[in-house]
Amino acid sequence: MSPSAAHRLRTRLNRLTVSGAAALCATVLATGTALATPTVRTADTLPGFQVYPESLTQDPSTGDLFVSGYGDGSILRVPAGGTQASVFLPSGADGRTHAAGVKADKSGRLWVSGGTDRSVTVYDATTGVRVARFHIPFASGGVNDLTFGPDGTAYLTDSFNPAVYRVTDQQLTAARTTDTALGIWRDLTGTPADYTQHSGINLNGIVYVDGGALLTANTTTGAVHRIATDTGAVTTVRGISLPNADGLFYQDGKLWAALNRTNTLVRLTVSPAARSVTQDATFSSSELQIPTSVIRSGDHLLVTRSQYDKGGPFGAGTPLPFTIAEVDTF
């Protein structure tokens, strides 16, 4: 992030207002010790009544935030230093009516997975011009979330088919002129990460861990799996269970997970190459409003409040205005 963008971001964070501390549960260490309760604030407001925000990413170059709308397929943008989102890609762009994972890479591109439309589309993060488009090699299913290795390679989960896809920089370049099938990088059939059922959400959030490993969580079972990026070896992380796990975020040996239905955030410590993972603390609050994605920005967490339980995929009702939450001291 440029110095000026960083200054604008700090300014934005400094003028946030507290949205209310009702129904907060104390942060609890894995040993059971209570810590100071984090503060939940409203960081950004999102336009629209059918957005149902799913995923959140921050452009590493500009500090701009991008939010995917599961409810309508739109992509929203909050400029660095701002608190109000505007439409970056409208509902229906490239035929997309749902949007799941959204990630900005280090090369100024924005990757958007279309969920059940079985696609992932890559855009210029400044202009919104389409760069490439990929589709899964199955008649049903869909890309959910994605992460990047240090060389820019993208790794993508499919919540309904037991597969992890991969897109290298060379493959991205070759796909600029046509809609291209995603190649299965790791077939999970017969591995510890194989799906035991296909009607619910399976692999969801995924992160690259320093040292050469991926961590990904199964939303339905709560299992967390490690996949070596060199050999493709798949193991299950012992002693860690994250039921209802949605978005994951990794930075400097720490992993944060959003557990959607239980309004919970979890913080874990991860060793190099994810040789070991230990749970540090949990935080639950109804103020999180069904969190589906979490990122760290400065010394705070930013969380999408999906409100899936208010007229979304989790239940009937009328949502409040959609927002992004900021959580401190976690």
C-alpha atoms as a PDB file:
ATOM      1  CA  MET A   1       0.000   0.000   0.000  1.00  0.00           C
ATOM      2  CA  SER A   2       1.293   3.450  -0.829  1.00  0.00           C
ATOM      3  CA  PRO A   3       2.008   5.885   2.065  1.00  0.00           C
ATOM      4  CA  SER A   4      -0.893   8.109   1.027  1.00  0.00           C
ATOM      5  CA  ALA A   5      -3.278   5.139   0.829  1.00  0.00           C
ATOM      6  CA  ALA A   6      -2.098   3.949   4.245  1.00  0.00           C
ATOM      7  CA  HIS A   7      -2.748   7.425   5.672  1.00  0.00           C
ATOM      8  CA  ARG A   8      -6.267   7.468   4.212  1.00  0.00           C
ATOM      9  CA  LEU A   9      -6.945   4.024   5.664  1.00  0.00           C
ATOM     10  CA  ARG A  10      -5.769   5.086   9.126  1.00  0.00           C
ATOM     11  CA  THR A  11      -7.973   8.166   8.892  1.00  0.00           C
ATOM     12  CA  ARG A  12     -10.973   6.024   8.025  1.00  0.00           C
ATOM     13  CA  LEU A  13     -10.341   3.668  10.924  1.00  0.00           C
ATOM     14  CA  ASN A  14      -9.924   6.545  13.362  1.00  0.00           C
ATOM     15  CA  ARG A  15     -13.327   8.023  12.598  1.00  0.00           C
ATOM     16  CA  LEU A  16     -15.346   4.821  12.909  1.00  0.00           C
ATOM     17  CA  THR A  17     -18.238   4.940  15.369  1.00  0.00           C
ATOM     18  CA  VAL A  18     -19.263   2.215  17.772  1.00  0.00           C
ATOM     19  CA  SER A  19     -22.355   0.399  16.514  1.00  0.00           C
ATOM     20  CA  GLY A  20     -23.221  -1.173  19.838  1.00  0.00           C
ATOM     21  CA  ALA A  21     -21.783  -3.724  22.203  1.00  0.00           C
ATOM     22  CA  ALA A  22     -24.933  -5.690  22.979  1.00  0.00           C
ATOM     23  CA  ALA A  23     -24.855  -9.470  23.162  1.00  0.00           C
ATOM     24  CA  LEU A  24     -21.066  -9.678  23.151  1.00  0.00           C
ATOM     25  CA  CYS A  25     -19.376 -12.768  24.554  1.00  0.00           C
ATOM     26  CA  ALA A  26     -15.923 -12.546  26.056  1.00  0.00           C
ATOM     27  CA  THR A  27     -12.921 -13.647  24.108  1.00  0.00           C
ATOM     28  CA  VAL A  28     -11.815 -16.965  25.573  1.00  0.00           C
ATOM     29  CA  LEU A  29      -8.406 -18.585  25.304  1.00  0.00           C
ATOM     30  CA  ALA A  30      -8.206 -22.253  24.410  1.00  0.00           C
ATOM     31  CA  THR A  31      -7.373 -22.856  28.082  1.00  0.00           C
ATOM     32  CA  GLY A  32     -10.624 -21.176  29.126  1.00  0.00           C
ATOM     33  CA  THR A  33      -9.202 -17.866  30.389  1.00  0.00           C
ATOM     34  CA  ALA A  34     -11.359 -14.854  29.603  1.00  0.00           C
ATOM     35  CA  LEU A  35      -9.751 -11.866  27.886  1.00  0.00           C
ATOM     36  CA  ALA A  36     -10.993  -8.347  27.307  1.00  0.00           C
ATOM     37  CA  THR A  37     -14.109  -8.359  25.146  1.00  0.00           C
ATOM     38  CA  PRO A  38     -13.380  -7.088  21.624  1.00  0.00           C
ATOM     39  CA  THR A  39     -15.276  -4.064  20.372  1.00  0.00           C
ATOM     40  CA  VAL A  40     -17.479  -4.466  17.292  1.00  0.00           C
ATOM     41  CA  ARG A  41     -18.018  -1.350  15.176  1.00  0.00           C
ATOM     42  CA  THR A  42     -19.551  -0.598  11.805  1.00  0.00           C
ATOM     43  CA  ALA A  43     -16.700   0.160   9.420  1.00  0.00           C
ATOM     44  CA  ASP A  44     -18.425   0.503   6.047  1.00  0.00           C
ATOM     45  CA  THR A  45     -21.956   0.613   4.703  1.00  0.00           C
ATOM     46  CA  LEU A  46     -23.013  -1.298   1.599  1.00  0.00           C
ATOM     47  CA  PRO A  47     -25.705  -0.230  -0.871  1.00  0.00           C
ATOM     48  CA  GLY A  48     -28.612  -2.447  -1.890  1.00  0.00           C
ATOM     49  CA  PHE A  49     -31.190  -4.664  -0.216  1.00  0.00           C
ATOM     50  CA  GLN A  50     -30.255  -7.998  -1.837  1.00  0.00           C
ATOM     51  CA  VAL A  51     -26.454  -7.897  -1.558  1.00  0.00           C
ATOM     52  CA  TYR A  52     -25.933 -10.413   1.277  1.00  0.00           C
ATOM     53  CA  PRO A  53     -22.152  -9.820   1.401  1.00  0.00           C
ATOM     54  CA  GLU A  54     -20.106 -13.009   1.278  1.00  0.00           C
ATOM     55  CA  SER A  55     -16.398 -12.345   0.835  1.00  0.00           C
ATOM     56  CA  LEU A  56     -14.010  -9.478   1.467  1.00  0.00           C
ATOM     57  CA  THR A  57     -10.544  -8.627   0.177  1.00  0.00           C
ATOM     58  CA  GLN A  58      -8.156  -5.670   0.284  1.00  0.00           C
ATOM     59  CA  ASP A  59      -6.078  -4.632  -2.705  1.00  0.00           C
ATOM     60  CA  PRO A  60      -2.463  -4.825  -1.467  1.00  0.00           C
ATOM     61  CA  SER A  61      -1.439  -1.957  -3.752  1.00  0.00           C
ATOM     62  CA  THR A  62      -4.185   0.599  -3.122  1.00  0.00           C
ATOM     63  CA  GLY A  63      -5.847  -0.396   0.151  1.00  0.00           C
ATOM     64  CA  ASP A  64      -9.248  -0.465  -1.569  1.00  0.00           C
ATOM     65  CA  LEU A  65     -11.710  -3.011  -0.221  1.00  0.00           C
ATOM     66  CA  PHE A  66     -13.825  -5.245  -2.469  1.00  0.00           C
ATOM     67  CA  VAL A  67     -16.914  -7.122  -1.296  1.00  0.00           C
ATOM     68  CA  SER A  68     -18.802  -9.861  -3.136  1.00  0.00           C
ATOM     69  CA  GLY A  69     -22.596  -9.976  -3.096  1.00  0.00           C
ATOM     70  CA  TYR A  70     -23.903 -13.504  -2.762  1.00  0.00           C
ATOM     71  CA  GLY A  71     -27.458 -12.269  -3.133  1.00  0.00           C
ATOM     72  CA  ASP A  72     -27.094 -10.544  -6.494  1.00  0.00           C
ATOM     73  CA  GLY A  73     -23.626 -11.276  -7.894  1.00  0.00           C
ATOM     74  CA  SER A  74     -22.438  -7.685  -7.655  1.00  0.00           C
ATOM     75  CA  ILE A  75     -18.970  -6.610  -6.520  1.00  0.00           C
ATOM     76  CA  LEU A  76     -18.750  -3.529  -4.320  1.00  0.00           C
ATOM     77  CA  ARG A  77     -15.732  -1.306  -3.748  1.00  0.00           C
ATOM     78  CA  VAL A  78     -14.804   0.854  -0.744  1.00  0.00           C
ATOM     79  CA  PRO A  79     -11.941   3.223  -1.596  1.00  0.00           C
ATOM     80  CA  ALA A  80      -9.084   3.405   0.899  1.00  0.00           C
ATOM     81  CA  GLY A  81     -10.020   6.019   3.479  1.00  0.00           C
ATOM     82  CA  GLY A  82     -13.748   5.734   2.705  1.00  0.00           C
ATOM     83  CA  THR A  83     -16.656   4.274   4.631  1.00  0.00           C
ATOM     84  CA  GLN A  84     -19.244   3.989   1.844  1.00  0.00           C
ATOM     85  CA  ALA A  85     -19.196   1.275  -0.817  1.00  0.00           C
ATOM     86  CA  SER A  86     -20.223   1.753  -4.424  1.00  0.00           C
ATOM     87  CA  VAL A  87     -20.881  -0.751  -7.201  1.00  0.00           C
ATOM     88  CA  PHE A  88     -17.679  -1.825  -8.973  1.00  0.00           C
ATOM     89  CA  LEU A  89     -19.207  -4.672 -11.017  1.00  0.00           C
ATOM     90  CA  PRO A  90     -23.010  -4.700 -11.275  1.00  0.00           C
ATOM     91  CA  SER A  91     -25.329  -7.614 -10.680  1.00  0.00           C
ATOM     92  CA  GLY A  92     -25.451  -9.749 -13.819  1.00  0.00           C
ATOM     93  CA  ALA A  93     -21.936  -8.890 -15.003  1.00  0.00           C
ATOM     94  CA  ASP A  94     -20.715 -11.812 -17.125  1.00  0.00           C
ATOM     95  CA  GLY A  95     -24.028 -13.518 -16.335  1.00  0.00           C
ATOM     96  CA  ARG A  96     -23.231 -13.711 -12.609  1.00  0.00           C
ATOM     97  CA  THR A  97     -26.196 -13.694 -10.210  1.00  0.00           C
ATOM     98  CA  HIS A  98     -24.253 -14.956  -7.162  1.00  0.00           C
ATOM     99  CA  ALA A  99     -20.722 -14.140  -6.054  1.00  0.00           C
ATOM    100  CA  ALA A 100     -18.778 -16.106  -3.452  1.00  0.00           C
ATOM    101  CA  GLY A 101     -15.033 -15.714  -2.932  1.00  0.00           C
ATOM    102  CA  VAL A 102     -13.346 -12.488  -4.038  1.00  0.00           C
ATOM    103  CA  LYS A 103      -9.574 -11.965  -3.838  1.00  0.00           C
ATOM    104  CA  ALA A 104      -7.230  -9.239  -5.051  1.00  0.00           C
ATOM    105  CA  ASP A 105      -3.776 -10.435  -6.125  1.00  0.00           C
ATOM    106  CA  LYS A 106      -0.446  -8.579  -6.103  1.00  0.00           C
ATOM    107  CA  SER A 107      -0.649  -7.857  -9.832  1.00  0.00           C
ATOM    108  CA  GLY A 108      -3.674  -5.568  -9.737  1.00  0.00           C
ATOM    109  CA  ARG A 109      -6.251  -8.228 -10.592  1.00  0.00           C
ATOM    110  CA  LEU A 110      -9.497  -9.130  -8.868  1.00  0.00           C
ATOM    111  CA  TRP A 111     -10.684 -12.755  -8.876  1.00  0.00           C
ATOM    112  CA  VAL A 112     -14.416 -13.398  -8.443  1.00  0.00           C
ATOM    113  CA  SER A 113     -15.924 -16.846  -8.017  1.00  0.00           C
ATOM    114  CA  GLY A 114     -19.504 -17.200  -9.166  1.00  0.00           C
ATOM    115  CA  GLY A 115     -20.448 -19.982  -6.779  1.00  0.00           C
ATOM    116  CA  THR A 116     -23.018 -22.269  -8.349  1.00  0.00           C
ATOM    117  CA  ASP A 117     -22.588 -20.726 -11.817  1.00  0.00           C
ATOM    118  CA  ARG A 118     -19.400 -22.862 -11.869  1.00  0.00           C
ATOM    119  CA  SER A 119     -17.061 -20.025 -12.857  1.00  0.00           C
ATOM    120  CA  VAL A 120     -14.264 -17.797 -11.664  1.00  0.00           C
ATOM    121  CA  THR A 121     -13.676 -14.529 -13.518  1.00  0.00           C
ATOM    122  CA  VAL A 122     -10.593 -12.315 -13.319  1.00  0.00           C
ATOM    123  CA  TYR A 123     -10.798  -8.529 -13.711  1.00  0.00           C
ATOM    124  CA  ASP A 124      -8.491  -5.546 -13.747  1.00  0.00           C
ATOM    125  CA  ALA A 125      -8.930  -4.208 -10.202  1.00  0.00           C
ATOM    126  CA  THR A 126      -8.750  -0.597 -11.390  1.00  0.00           C
ATOM    127  CA  THR A 127     -10.873  -0.556 -14.510  1.00  0.00           C
ATOM    128  CA  GLY A 128     -13.128  -3.584 -14.028  1.00  0.00           C
ATOM    129  CA  VAL A 129     -12.173  -4.870 -17.479  1.00  0.00           C
ATOM    130  CA  ARG A 130     -12.408  -8.656 -17.736  1.00  0.00           C
ATOM    131  CA  VAL A 131      -9.030 -10.366 -18.005  1.00  0.00           C
ATOM    132  CA  ALA A 132      -9.921 -14.077 -18.055  1.00  0.00           C
ATOM    133  CA  ARG A 133     -12.689 -16.507 -17.212  1.00  0.00           C
ATOM    134  CA  PHE A 134     -12.574 -20.145 -16.106  1.00  0.00           C
ATOM    135  CA  HIS A 135     -15.217 -22.795 -15.468  1.00  0.00           C
ATOM    136  CA  ILE A 136     -15.107 -26.055 -13.522  1.00  0.00           C
ATOM    137  CA  PRO A 137     -15.037 -29.391 -15.406  1.00  0.00           C
ATOM    138  CA  PHE A 138     -18.290 -30.606 -13.805  1.00  0.00           C
ATOM    139  CA  ALA A 139     -21.945 -30.211 -14.715  1.00  0.00           C
ATOM    140  CA  SER A 140     -22.749 -28.911 -11.220  1.00  0.00           C
ATOM    141  CA  GLY A 141     -20.922 -27.558  -8.201  1.00  0.00           C
ATOM    142  CA  GLY A 142     -18.989 -24.357  -7.994  1.00  0.00           C
ATOM    143  CA  VAL A 143     -15.861 -22.498  -7.011  1.00  0.00           C
ATOM    144  CA  ASN A 144     -16.210 -21.087  -3.521  1.00  0.00           C
ATOM    145  CA  ASP A 145     -13.001 -19.491  -2.258  1.00  0.00           C
ATOM    146  CA  LEU A 146      -9.395 -19.009  -3.357  1.00  0.00           C
ATOM    147  CA  THR A 147      -5.920 -18.053  -2.202  1.00  0.00           C
ATOM    148  CA  PHE A 148      -2.566 -17.248  -3.801  1.00  0.00           C
ATOM    149  CA  GLY A 149       0.875 -18.797  -3.429  1.00  0.00           C
ATOM    150  CA  PRO A 150       3.981 -16.573  -3.315  1.00  0.00           C
ATOM    151  CA  ASP A 151       4.476 -16.970  -7.088  1.00  0.00           C
ATOM    152  CA  GLY A 152       0.919 -15.782  -7.787  1.00  0.00           C
ATOM    153  CA  THR A 153      -0.542 -19.250  -8.403  1.00  0.00           C
ATOM    154  CA  ALA A 154      -4.214 -19.357  -7.433  1.00  0.00           C
ATOM    155  CA  TYR A 155      -5.703 -22.332  -5.544  1.00  0.00           C
ATOM    156  CA  LEU A 156      -9.490 -22.694  -5.518  1.00  0.00           C
ATOM    157  CA  THR A 157     -11.966 -24.819  -3.557  1.00  0.00           C
ATOM    158  CA  ASP A 158     -15.126 -26.488  -4.850  1.00  0.00           C
ATOM    159  CA  SER A 159     -17.723 -26.939  -2.115  1.00  0.00           C
ATOM    160  CA  PHE A 160     -19.583 -29.729  -3.917  1.00  0.00           C
ATOM    161  CA  ASN A 161     -16.962 -31.647  -5.908  1.00  0.00           C
ATOM    162  CA  PRO A 162     -13.933 -33.134  -4.079  1.00  0.00           C
ATOM    163  CA  ALA A 163     -11.324 -31.161  -5.995  1.00  0.00           C
ATOM    164  CA  VAL A 164      -8.906 -28.280  -5.571  1.00  0.00           C
ATOM    165  CA  TYR A 165      -8.170 -26.298  -8.724  1.00  0.00           C
ATOM    166  CA  ARG A 166      -5.035 -24.367  -9.595  1.00  0.00           C
ATOM    167  CA  VAL A 167      -4.327 -21.510 -12.006  1.00  0.00           C
ATOM    168  CA  THR A 168      -0.701 -20.574 -12.674  1.00  0.00           C
ATOM    169  CA  ASP A 169       0.368 -17.249 -14.142  1.00  0.00           C
ATOM    170  CA  GLN A 170       1.094 -19.012 -17.440  1.00  0.00           C
ATOM    171  CA  GLN A 171      -2.392 -20.534 -17.479  1.00  0.00           C
ATOM    172  CA  LEU A 172      -3.907 -17.140 -16.739  1.00  0.00           C
ATOM    173  CA  THR A 173      -2.060 -15.580 -19.654  1.00  0.00           C
ATOM    174  CA  ALA A 174      -3.171 -18.364 -21.994  1.00  0.00           C
ATOM    175  CA  ALA A 175      -6.815 -17.958 -20.928  1.00  0.00           C
ATOM    176  CA  ARG A 176      -7.111 -14.300 -21.863  1.00  0.00           C
ATOM    177  CA  THR A 177      -8.850 -14.981 -25.165  1.00  0.00           C
ATOM    178  CA  THR A 178     -11.324 -17.703 -24.256  1.00  0.00           C
ATOM    179  CA  ASP A 179     -13.397 -19.242 -21.467  1.00  0.00           C
ATOM    180  CA  THR A 180     -11.142 -21.990 -20.151  1.00  0.00           C
ATOM    181  CA  ALA A 181     -11.792 -25.172 -18.150  1.00  0.00           C
ATOM    182  CA  LEU A 182     -10.128 -25.329 -14.751  1.00  0.00           C
ATOM    183  CA  GLY A 183      -7.792 -28.259 -14.405  1.00  0.00           C
ATOM    184  CA  ILE A 184      -8.111 -30.386 -11.271  1.00  0.00           C
ATOM    185  CA  TRP A 185      -4.842 -29.907  -9.414  1.00  0.00           C
ATOM    186  CA  ARG A 186      -5.700 -32.190  -6.470  1.00  0.00           C
ATOM    187  CA  ASP A 187      -8.409 -34.832  -6.718  1.00  0.00           C
ATOM    188  CA  LEU A 188      -9.479 -35.353  -3.097  1.00  0.00           C
ATOM    189  CA  THR A 189     -11.188 -38.690  -3.730  1.00  0.00           C
ATOM    190  CA  GLY A 190      -9.812 -41.248  -1.309  1.00  0.00           C
ATOM    191  CA  THR A 191      -7.901 -38.662   0.741  1.00  0.00           C
ATOM    192  CA  PRO A 192      -8.741 -37.535   4.302  1.00  0.00           C
ATOM    193  CA  ALA A 193     -10.425 -34.483   2.753  1.00  0.00           C
ATOM    194  CA  ASP A 194     -12.795 -36.562   0.584  1.00  0.00           C
ATOM    195  CA  TYR A 195     -16.390 -35.459   0.993  1.00  0.00           C
ATOM    196  CA  THR A 196     -18.650 -37.731   2.989  1.00  0.00           C
ATOM    197  CA  GLN A 197     -21.725 -35.960   1.625  1.00  0.00           C
ATOM    198  CA  HIS A 198     -22.394 -33.638  -1.280  1.00  0.00           C
ATOM    199  CA  SER A 199     -25.692 -31.931  -0.446  1.00  0.00           C
ATOM    200  CA  GLY A 200     -24.168 -29.423   1.975  1.00  0.00           C
ATOM    201  CA  ILE A 201     -21.207 -27.052   1.889  1.00  0.00           C
ATOM    202  CA  ASN A 202     -17.900 -28.918   2.040  1.00  0.00           C
ATOM    203  CA  LEU A 203     -14.523 -27.239   1.478  1.00  0.00           C
ATOM    204  CA  ASN A 204     -14.917 -23.495   1.788  1.00  0.00           C
ATOM    205  CA  GLY A 205     -12.217 -21.073   2.938  1.00  0.00           C
ATOM    206  CA  ILE A 206      -8.610 -21.704   1.907  1.00  0.00           C
ATOM    207  CA  VAL A 207      -5.296 -19.989   2.712  1.00  0.00           C
ATOM    208  CA  TYR A 208      -1.670 -20.384   1.704  1.00  0.00           C
ATOM    209  CA  VAL A 209       0.661 -20.800   4.687  1.00  0.00           C
ATOM    210  CA  ASP A 210       4.281 -19.645   4.580  1.00  0.00           C
ATOM    211  CA  GLY A 211       6.546 -22.606   3.893  1.00  0.00           C
ATOM    212  CA  GLY A 212       4.478 -24.410   1.275  1.00  0.00           C
ATOM    213  CA  ALA A 213       1.067 -25.620   2.467  1.00  0.00           C
ATOM    214  CA  LEU A 214      -2.614 -24.873   2.086  1.00  0.00           C
ATOM    215  CA  LEU A 215      -5.133 -24.972   4.913  1.00  0.00           C
ATOM    216  CA  THR A 216      -8.804 -25.409   4.074  1.00  0.00           C
ATOM    217  CA  ALA A 217     -11.883 -26.108   6.189  1.00  0.00           C
ATOM    218  CA  ASN A 218     -14.994 -28.215   5.600  1.00  0.00           C
ATOM    219  CA  THR A 219     -18.008 -26.149   6.615  1.00  0.00           C
ATOM    220  CA  THR A 220     -20.251 -29.138   7.370  1.00  0.00           C
ATOM    221  CA  THR A 221     -17.851 -31.415   9.253  1.00  0.00           C
ATOM    222  CA  GLY A 222     -15.612 -28.758  10.790  1.00  0.00           C
ATOM    223  CA  ALA A 223     -12.493 -30.625   9.719  1.00  0.00           C
ATOM    224  CA  VAL A 224      -9.406 -28.604   8.772  1.00  0.00           C
ATOM    225  CA  HIS A 225      -7.099 -30.111   6.149  1.00  0.00           C
ATOM    226  CA  ARG A 226      -3.504 -29.436   5.185  1.00  0.00           C
ATOM    227  CA  ILE A 227      -2.453 -29.860   1.542  1.00  0.00           C
ATOM    228  CA  ALA A 228       1.247 -29.713   0.660  1.00  0.00           C
ATOM    229  CA  THR A 229       1.763 -27.540  -2.412  1.00  0.00           C
ATOM    230  CA  ASP A 230       4.792 -29.536  -3.605  1.00  0.00           C
ATOM    231  CA  THR A 231       3.493 -33.107  -3.318  1.00  0.00           C
ATOM    232  CA  GLY A 232      -0.254 -32.609  -2.945  1.00  0.00           C
ATOM    233  CA  ALA A 233      -0.246 -34.763   0.193  1.00  0.00           C
ATOM    234  CA  VAL A 234      -3.453 -34.326   2.196  1.00  0.00           C
ATOM    235  CA  THR A 235      -3.719 -34.670   5.969  1.00  0.00           C
ATOM    236  CA  THR A 236      -6.291 -33.669   8.570  1.00  0.00           C
ATOM    237  CA  VAL A 237      -5.169 -31.226  11.251  1.00  0.00           C
ATOM    238  CA  ARG A 238      -5.522 -32.988  14.576  1.00  0.00           C
ATOM    239  CA  GLY A 239      -7.254 -31.368  17.515  1.00  0.00           C
ATOM    240  CA  ILE A 240      -8.880 -28.570  15.507  1.00  0.00           C
ATOM    241  CA  SER A 241     -12.560 -28.463  14.585  1.00  0.00           C
ATOM    242  CA  LEU A 242     -14.241 -25.438  12.998  1.00  0.00           C
ATOM    243  CA  PRO A 243     -17.905 -26.310  12.336  1.00  0.00           C
ATOM    244  CA  ASN A 244     -19.649 -23.720  10.142  1.00  0.00           C
ATOM    245  CA  ALA A 245     -16.248 -22.442   9.005  1.00  0.00           C
ATOM    246  CA  ASP A 246     -16.531 -19.982   6.138  1.00  0.00           C
ATOM    247  CA  GLY A 247     -13.797 -17.485   5.233  1.00  0.00           C
ATOM    248  CA  LEU A 248     -10.214 -17.913   6.460  1.00  0.00           C
ATOM    249  CA  PHE A 249      -7.414 -15.359   6.675  1.00  0.00           C
ATOM    250  CA  TYR A 250      -3.713 -16.017   7.327  1.00  0.00           C
ATOM    251  CA  GLN A 251      -0.970 -13.538   8.201  1.00  0.00           C
ATOM    252  CA  ASP A 252       2.416 -13.934   9.886  1.00  0.00           C
ATOM    253  CA  GLY A 253       1.741 -17.255  11.569  1.00  0.00           C
ATOM    254  CA  LYS A 254      -1.814 -16.426  12.664  1.00  0.00           C
ATOM    255  CA  LEU A 255      -5.031 -17.778  11.180  1.00  0.00           C
ATOM    256  CA  TRP A 256      -8.483 -16.282  11.657  1.00  0.00           C
ATOM    257  CA  ALA A 257     -11.693 -18.160  10.815  1.00  0.00           C
ATOM    258  CA  ALA A 258     -15.269 -16.889  10.507  1.00  0.00           C
ATOM    259  CA  LEU A 259     -17.855 -19.430  11.708  1.00  0.00           C
ATOM    260  CA  ASN A 260     -21.037 -18.190  10.108  1.00  0.00           C
ATOM    261  CA  ARG A 261     -24.073 -19.749  11.834  1.00  0.00           C
ATOM    262  CA  THR A 262     -22.650 -19.376  15.343  1.00  0.00           C
ATOM    263  CA  ASN A 263     -21.568 -15.728  14.969  1.00  0.00           C
ATOM    264  CA  THR A 264     -18.042 -16.667  15.989  1.00  0.00           C
ATOM    265  CA  LEU A 265     -14.469 -15.736  15.130  1.00  0.00           C
ATOM    266  CA  VAL A 266     -11.584 -18.068  15.964  1.00  0.00           C
ATOM    267  CA  ARG A 267      -7.879 -17.216  16.123  1.00  0.00           C
ATOM    268  CA  LEU A 268      -5.224 -19.917  15.690  1.00  0.00           C
ATOM    269  CA  THR A 269      -1.428 -20.096  15.612  1.00  0.00           C
ATOM    270  CA  VAL A 270       0.114 -21.889  12.630  1.00  0.00           C
ATOM    271  CA  SER A 271       3.726 -23.088  12.406  1.00  0.00           C
ATOM    272  CA  PRO A 272       5.713 -22.808   9.133  1.00  0.00           C
ATOM    273  CA  ALA A 273       4.205 -25.015   6.407  1.00  0.00           C
ATOM    274  CA  ALA A 274       1.329 -25.731   8.833  1.00  0.00           C
ATOM    275  CA  ARG A 275       3.191 -28.553  10.537  1.00  0.00           C
ATOM    276  CA  SER A 276       1.178 -27.730  13.648  1.00  0.00           C
ATOM    277  CA  VAL A 277      -1.938 -25.672  14.337  1.00  0.00           C
ATOM    278  CA  THR A 278      -3.169 -24.617  17.785  1.00  0.00           C
ATOM    279  CA  GLN A 279      -6.316 -22.724  18.693  1.00  0.00           C
ATOM    280  CA  ASP A 280      -5.702 -19.521  20.652  1.00  0.00           C
ATOM    281  CA  ALA A 281      -9.058 -17.878  21.262  1.00  0.00           C
ATOM    282  CA  THR A 282     -12.703 -17.602  20.247  1.00  0.00           C
ATOM    283  CA  PHE A 283     -15.076 -14.645  20.182  1.00  0.00           C
ATOM    284  CA  SER A 284     -18.838 -14.811  19.677  1.00  0.00           C
ATOM    285  CA  SER A 285     -21.295 -11.951  19.232  1.00  0.00           C
ATOM    286  CA  SER A 286     -24.671 -11.451  17.616  1.00  0.00           C
ATOM    287  CA  GLU A 287     -23.220  -8.129  16.383  1.00  0.00           C
ATOM    288  CA  LEU A 288     -21.273 -10.144  13.782  1.00  0.00           C
ATOM    289  CA  GLN A 289     -24.589 -10.906  12.010  1.00  0.00           C
ATOM    290  CA  ILE A 290     -23.527 -14.235  10.441  1.00  0.00           C
ATOM    291  CA  PRO A 291     -19.864 -13.550   9.542  1.00  0.00           C
ATOM    292  CA  THR A 292     -18.773 -15.132   6.268  1.00  0.00           C
ATOM    293  CA  SER A 293     -15.356 -13.561   5.679  1.00  0.00           C
ATOM    294  CA  VAL A 294     -12.605 -12.016   7.785  1.00  0.00           C
ATOM    295  CA  ILE A 295      -9.422 -10.143   6.907  1.00  0.00           C
ATOM    296  CA  ARG A 296      -6.850  -8.268   8.953  1.00  0.00           C
ATOM    297  CA  SER A 297      -6.366  -4.608   8.022  1.00  0.00           C
ATOM    298  CA  GLY A 298      -3.837  -2.718  10.106  1.00  0.00           C
ATOM    299  CA  ASP A 299      -4.420  -3.736  13.717  1.00  0.00           C
ATOM    300  CA  HIS A 300      -8.107  -4.569  13.245  1.00  0.00           C
ATOM    301  CA  LEU A 301     -10.216  -7.301  11.704  1.00  0.00           C
ATOM    302  CA  LEU A 302     -12.795  -6.510   9.045  1.00  0.00           C
ATOM    303  CA  VAL A 303     -15.742  -8.904   8.808  1.00  0.00           C
ATOM    304  CA  THR A 304     -18.593  -9.260   6.317  1.00  0.00           C
ATOM    305  CA  ARG A 305     -21.970  -9.266   8.051  1.00  0.00           C
ATOM    306  CA  SER A 306     -23.891 -11.511   5.652  1.00  0.00           C
ATOM    307  CA  GLN A 307     -27.247 -11.572   7.480  1.00  0.00           C
ATOM    308  CA  TYR A 308     -27.925 -14.863   5.704  1.00  0.00           C
ATOM    309  CA  ASP A 309     -30.538 -15.598   8.377  1.00  0.00           C
ATOM    310  CA  LYS A 310     -32.677 -12.606   7.352  1.00  0.00           C
ATOM    311  CA  GLY A 311     -34.122 -13.412   3.966  1.00  0.00           C
ATOM    312  CA  GLY A 312     -30.936 -15.079   2.738  1.00  0.00           C
ATOM    313  CA  PRO A 313     -29.983 -18.753   2.319  1.00  0.00           C
ATOM    314  CA  PHE A 314     -30.243 -19.478   6.071  1.00  0.00           C
ATOM    315  CA  GLY A 315     -33.774 -18.266   6.729  1.00  0.00           C
ATOM    316  CA  ALA A 316     -36.632 -15.844   6.150  1.00  0.00           C
ATOM    317  CA  GLY A 317     -36.808 -12.268   7.358  1.00  0.00           C
ATOM    318  CA  THR A 318     -35.841  -8.727   6.473  1.00  0.00           C
ATOM    319  CA  PRO A 319     -32.194  -7.688   6.731  1.00  0.00           C
ATOM    320  CA  LEU A 320     -30.881  -4.492   8.246  1.00  0.00           C
ATOM    321  CA  PRO A 321     -28.771  -2.309   5.961  1.00  0.00           C
ATOM    322  CA  PHE A 322     -25.723  -4.359   4.987  1.00  0.00           C
ATOM    323  CA  THR A 323     -22.393  -3.388   6.515  1.00  0.00           C
ATOM    324  CA  ILE A 324     -18.822  -4.470   7.171  1.00  0.00           C
ATOM    325  CA  ALA A 325     -17.856  -4.782  10.832  1.00  0.00           C
ATOM    326  CA  GLU A 326     -14.548  -3.862  12.415  1.00  0.00           C
ATOM    327  CA  VAL A 327     -13.356  -5.911  15.397  1.00  0.00           C
ATOM    328  CA  ASP A 328     -10.430  -4.839  17.560  1.00  0.00           C
ATOM    329  CA  THR A 329      -8.295  -6.640  20.188  1.00  0.00           C
ATOM    330  CA  PHE A 330      -8.685 -10.001  18.484  1.00  0.00           C
END
